[in-house]
Amino acid sequence: MKAVGAVTSAAPSVHETIARLDALAQRHDVAYQGHSVCWRRWGDDGLPLVLIHGRHGNWMHWIRNIV
């Protein structure tokens, strides 16, 4: 049982998690065959891991894998 007035730590909201991850990323926008391609990079150490999504997807489809 919690004491009255006890401080509890709440988990960050989904929006806060997305904002934090986006702020940590290096965003790269390039043009390829008349289309805009965007990719993000987190970290500089180790071997790269490439996660590719479908045509109408975005990096947030991989959040559970990134976090």
N, C-alpha and C. Protein backbone atom coordinates (compact mmCIF):
# COMPACT_ATOMS: atom_id res chain seq x y z
N MET A 1 0.84 -1.17 0.00
CA MET A 1 0.00 0.00 0.00
C MET A 1 0.88 1.23 0.00
N LYS A 2 0.54 2.21 -0.86
CA LYS A 2 1.32 3.44 -0.94
C LYS A 2 0.90 4.40 0.16
N ALA A 3 1.87 5.12 0.68
CA ALA A 3 1.57 6.14 1.67
C ALA A 3 0.89 7.32 0.98
N VAL A 4 0.06 8.01 1.71
CA VAL A 4 -0.61 9.18 1.18
C VAL A 4 0.44 10.22 0.80
N GLY A 5 0.32 10.77 -0.40
CA GLY A 5 1.27 11.78 -0.86
C GLY A 5 2.57 11.20 -1.39
N ALA A 6 2.66 9.88 -1.50
CA ALA A 6 3.89 9.27 -2.01
C ALA A 6 4.07 9.62 -3.48
N VAL A 7 5.30 9.83 -3.86
CA VAL A 7 5.61 10.17 -5.24
C VAL A 7 5.85 8.87 -6.01
N THR A 8 5.17 8.73 -7.13
CA THR A 8 5.38 7.56 -7.97
C THR A 8 5.98 8.03 -9.29
N SER A 9 6.83 7.21 -9.85
CA SER A 9 7.41 7.58 -11.13
C SER A 9 6.57 6.94 -12.23
N ALA A 10 6.08 7.79 -13.10
CA ALA A 10 5.26 7.31 -14.20
C ALA A 10 6.15 7.06 -15.41
N ALA A 11 5.80 6.05 -16.17
CA ALA A 11 6.53 5.78 -17.41
C ALA A 11 6.28 6.92 -18.39
N PRO A 12 7.26 7.22 -19.23
CA PRO A 12 7.04 8.29 -20.20
C PRO A 12 5.91 7.93 -21.16
N SER A 13 5.21 8.94 -21.62
CA SER A 13 4.12 8.70 -22.57
C SER A 13 4.70 8.29 -23.92
N VAL A 14 3.86 7.76 -24.77
CA VAL A 14 4.28 7.37 -26.12
C VAL A 14 4.83 8.59 -26.86
N HIS A 15 4.16 9.72 -26.74
CA HIS A 15 4.60 10.94 -27.41
C HIS A 15 5.96 11.40 -26.90
N GLU A 16 6.20 11.27 -25.60
CA GLU A 16 7.49 11.65 -25.03
C GLU A 16 8.59 10.72 -25.53
N THR A 17 8.29 9.43 -25.62
CA THR A 17 9.27 8.46 -26.11
C THR A 17 9.63 8.74 -27.56
N ILE A 18 8.63 9.01 -28.39
CA ILE A 18 8.87 9.31 -29.81
C ILE A 18 9.71 10.58 -29.94
N ALA A 19 9.36 11.61 -29.18
CA ALA A 19 10.11 12.87 -29.23
C ALA A 19 11.56 12.67 -28.80
N ARG A 20 11.78 11.86 -27.76
CA ARG A 20 13.13 11.61 -27.26
C ARG A 20 13.96 10.87 -28.32
N LEU A 21 13.38 9.83 -28.93
CA LEU A 21 14.09 9.08 -29.96
C LEU A 21 14.38 9.94 -31.18
N ASP A 22 13.41 10.75 -31.58
CA ASP A 22 13.60 11.61 -32.74
C ASP A 22 14.71 12.63 -32.48
N ALA A 23 14.78 13.16 -31.26
CA ALA A 23 15.81 14.14 -30.92
C ALA A 23 17.21 13.51 -30.91
N LEU A 24 17.29 12.22 -30.61
CA LEU A 24 18.58 11.53 -30.57
C LEU A 24 19.08 11.12 -31.95
N ALA A 25 18.20 11.11 -32.93
CA ALA A 25 18.54 10.63 -34.28
C ALA A 25 19.20 11.72 -35.11
N GLN A 26 20.05 11.27 -36.01
CA GLN A 26 20.57 12.13 -37.07
C GLN A 26 19.70 11.85 -38.29
N ARG A 27 19.03 12.87 -38.81
CA ARG A 27 18.13 12.69 -39.95
C ARG A 27 18.87 13.01 -41.24
N HIS A 28 18.70 12.15 -42.23
CA HIS A 28 19.33 12.32 -43.53
C HIS A 28 18.24 12.28 -44.60
N ASP A 29 18.17 13.32 -45.42
CA ASP A 29 17.22 13.38 -46.53
C ASP A 29 18.02 13.41 -47.83
N VAL A 30 17.68 12.51 -48.73
CA VAL A 30 18.36 12.46 -50.02
C VAL A 30 17.33 12.30 -51.13
N ALA A 31 17.69 12.74 -52.32
CA ALA A 31 16.84 12.55 -53.50
C ALA A 31 17.37 11.34 -54.26
N TYR A 32 16.45 10.47 -54.68
CA TYR A 32 16.83 9.28 -55.44
C TYR A 32 15.79 9.05 -56.52
N GLN A 33 16.20 9.09 -57.76
CA GLN A 33 15.34 8.85 -58.91
C GLN A 33 14.04 9.66 -58.83
N GLY A 34 14.20 10.93 -58.47
CA GLY A 34 13.05 11.83 -58.42
C GLY A 34 12.19 11.71 -57.17
N HIS A 35 12.62 10.92 -56.21
CA HIS A 35 11.86 10.73 -54.97
C HIS A 35 12.71 11.16 -53.79
N SER A 36 12.06 11.57 -52.74
CA SER A 36 12.74 11.93 -51.51
C SER A 36 12.84 10.70 -50.62
N VAL A 37 14.03 10.42 -50.14
CA VAL A 37 14.27 9.29 -49.25
C VAL A 37 14.84 9.83 -47.95
N CYS A 38 14.26 9.43 -46.85
CA CYS A 38 14.73 9.88 -45.54
C CYS A 38 15.16 8.67 -44.73
N TRP A 39 16.29 8.80 -44.05
CA TRP A 39 16.71 7.76 -43.13
C TRP A 39 17.27 8.40 -41.88
N ARG A 40 17.25 7.64 -40.81
CA ARG A 40 17.73 8.14 -39.52
C ARG A 40 18.84 7.23 -39.00
N ARG A 41 19.71 7.85 -38.23
CA ARG A 41 20.83 7.11 -37.66
C ARG A 41 20.90 7.41 -36.17
N TRP A 42 21.02 6.36 -35.39
CA TRP A 42 21.21 6.50 -33.94
C TRP A 42 22.54 5.87 -33.59
N GLY A 43 23.38 6.60 -32.90
CA GLY A 43 24.65 6.07 -32.43
C GLY A 43 25.73 6.02 -33.50
N ASP A 44 26.96 5.83 -33.05
CA ASP A 44 28.12 5.78 -33.94
C ASP A 44 28.95 4.53 -33.74
N ASP A 45 28.61 3.70 -32.77
CA ASP A 45 29.44 2.55 -32.43
C ASP A 45 28.85 1.26 -33.00
N GLY A 46 29.72 0.33 -33.27
CA GLY A 46 29.28 -1.00 -33.68
C GLY A 46 28.86 -1.07 -35.14
N LEU A 47 28.44 -2.26 -35.52
CA LEU A 47 27.98 -2.49 -36.88
C LEU A 47 26.59 -1.91 -37.08
N PRO A 48 26.31 -1.41 -38.28
CA PRO A 48 24.98 -0.84 -38.52
C PRO A 48 23.91 -1.93 -38.63
N LEU A 49 22.72 -1.59 -38.24
CA LEU A 49 21.55 -2.44 -38.40
C LEU A 49 20.56 -1.64 -39.23
N VAL A 50 20.15 -2.17 -40.36
CA VAL A 50 19.24 -1.46 -41.26
C VAL A 50 17.84 -2.06 -41.11
N LEU A 51 16.88 -1.20 -40.79
CA LEU A 51 15.48 -1.61 -40.67
C LEU A 51 14.72 -0.90 -41.79
N ILE A 52 14.06 -1.67 -42.65
CA ILE A 52 13.38 -1.10 -43.80
C ILE A 52 11.88 -1.33 -43.65
N HIS A 53 11.12 -0.29 -43.92
CA HIS A 53 9.66 -0.40 -43.85
C HIS A 53 9.08 -0.27 -45.25
N GLY A 54 7.80 -0.48 -45.37
CA GLY A 54 7.11 -0.39 -46.65
C GLY A 54 6.96 1.04 -47.14
N ARG A 55 6.37 1.16 -48.28
CA ARG A 55 6.27 2.43 -48.98
C ARG A 55 5.60 3.53 -48.16
N HIS A 56 4.55 3.22 -47.47
CA HIS A 56 3.82 4.25 -46.72
C HIS A 56 4.13 4.22 -45.23
N GLY A 57 5.19 3.56 -44.86
CA GLY A 57 5.56 3.47 -43.46
C GLY A 57 6.49 4.60 -43.06
N ASN A 58 6.95 4.54 -41.83
CA ASN A 58 7.95 5.49 -41.35
C ASN A 58 8.73 4.83 -40.22
N TRP A 59 9.74 5.54 -39.75
CA TRP A 59 10.64 4.97 -38.75
C TRP A 59 9.92 4.55 -37.48
N MET A 60 8.78 5.15 -37.20
CA MET A 60 8.07 4.83 -35.95
C MET A 60 7.50 3.41 -35.96
N HIS A 61 7.42 2.77 -37.11
CA HIS A 61 6.99 1.37 -37.14
C HIS A 61 8.00 0.46 -36.44
N TRP A 62 9.21 0.95 -36.25
CA TRP A 62 10.28 0.17 -35.64
C TRP A 62 10.55 0.55 -34.20
N ILE A 63 9.73 1.38 -33.59
CA ILE A 63 10.00 1.87 -32.23
C ILE A 63 10.21 0.74 -31.23
N ARG A 64 9.41 -0.27 -31.27
CA ARG A 64 9.56 -1.37 -30.31
C ARG A 64 10.90 -2.08 -30.48
N ASN A 65 11.46 -2.06 -31.68
CA ASN A 65 12.75 -2.66 -31.92
C ASN A 65 13.91 -1.74 -31.53
N ILE A 66 13.68 -0.44 -31.61
CA ILE A 66 14.72 0.54 -31.31
C ILE A 66 14.88 0.77 -29.81
N VAL A 67 13.76 0.81 -29.10
CA VAL A 67 13.78 1.16 -27.68
C VAL A 67 14.45 0.11 -26.86
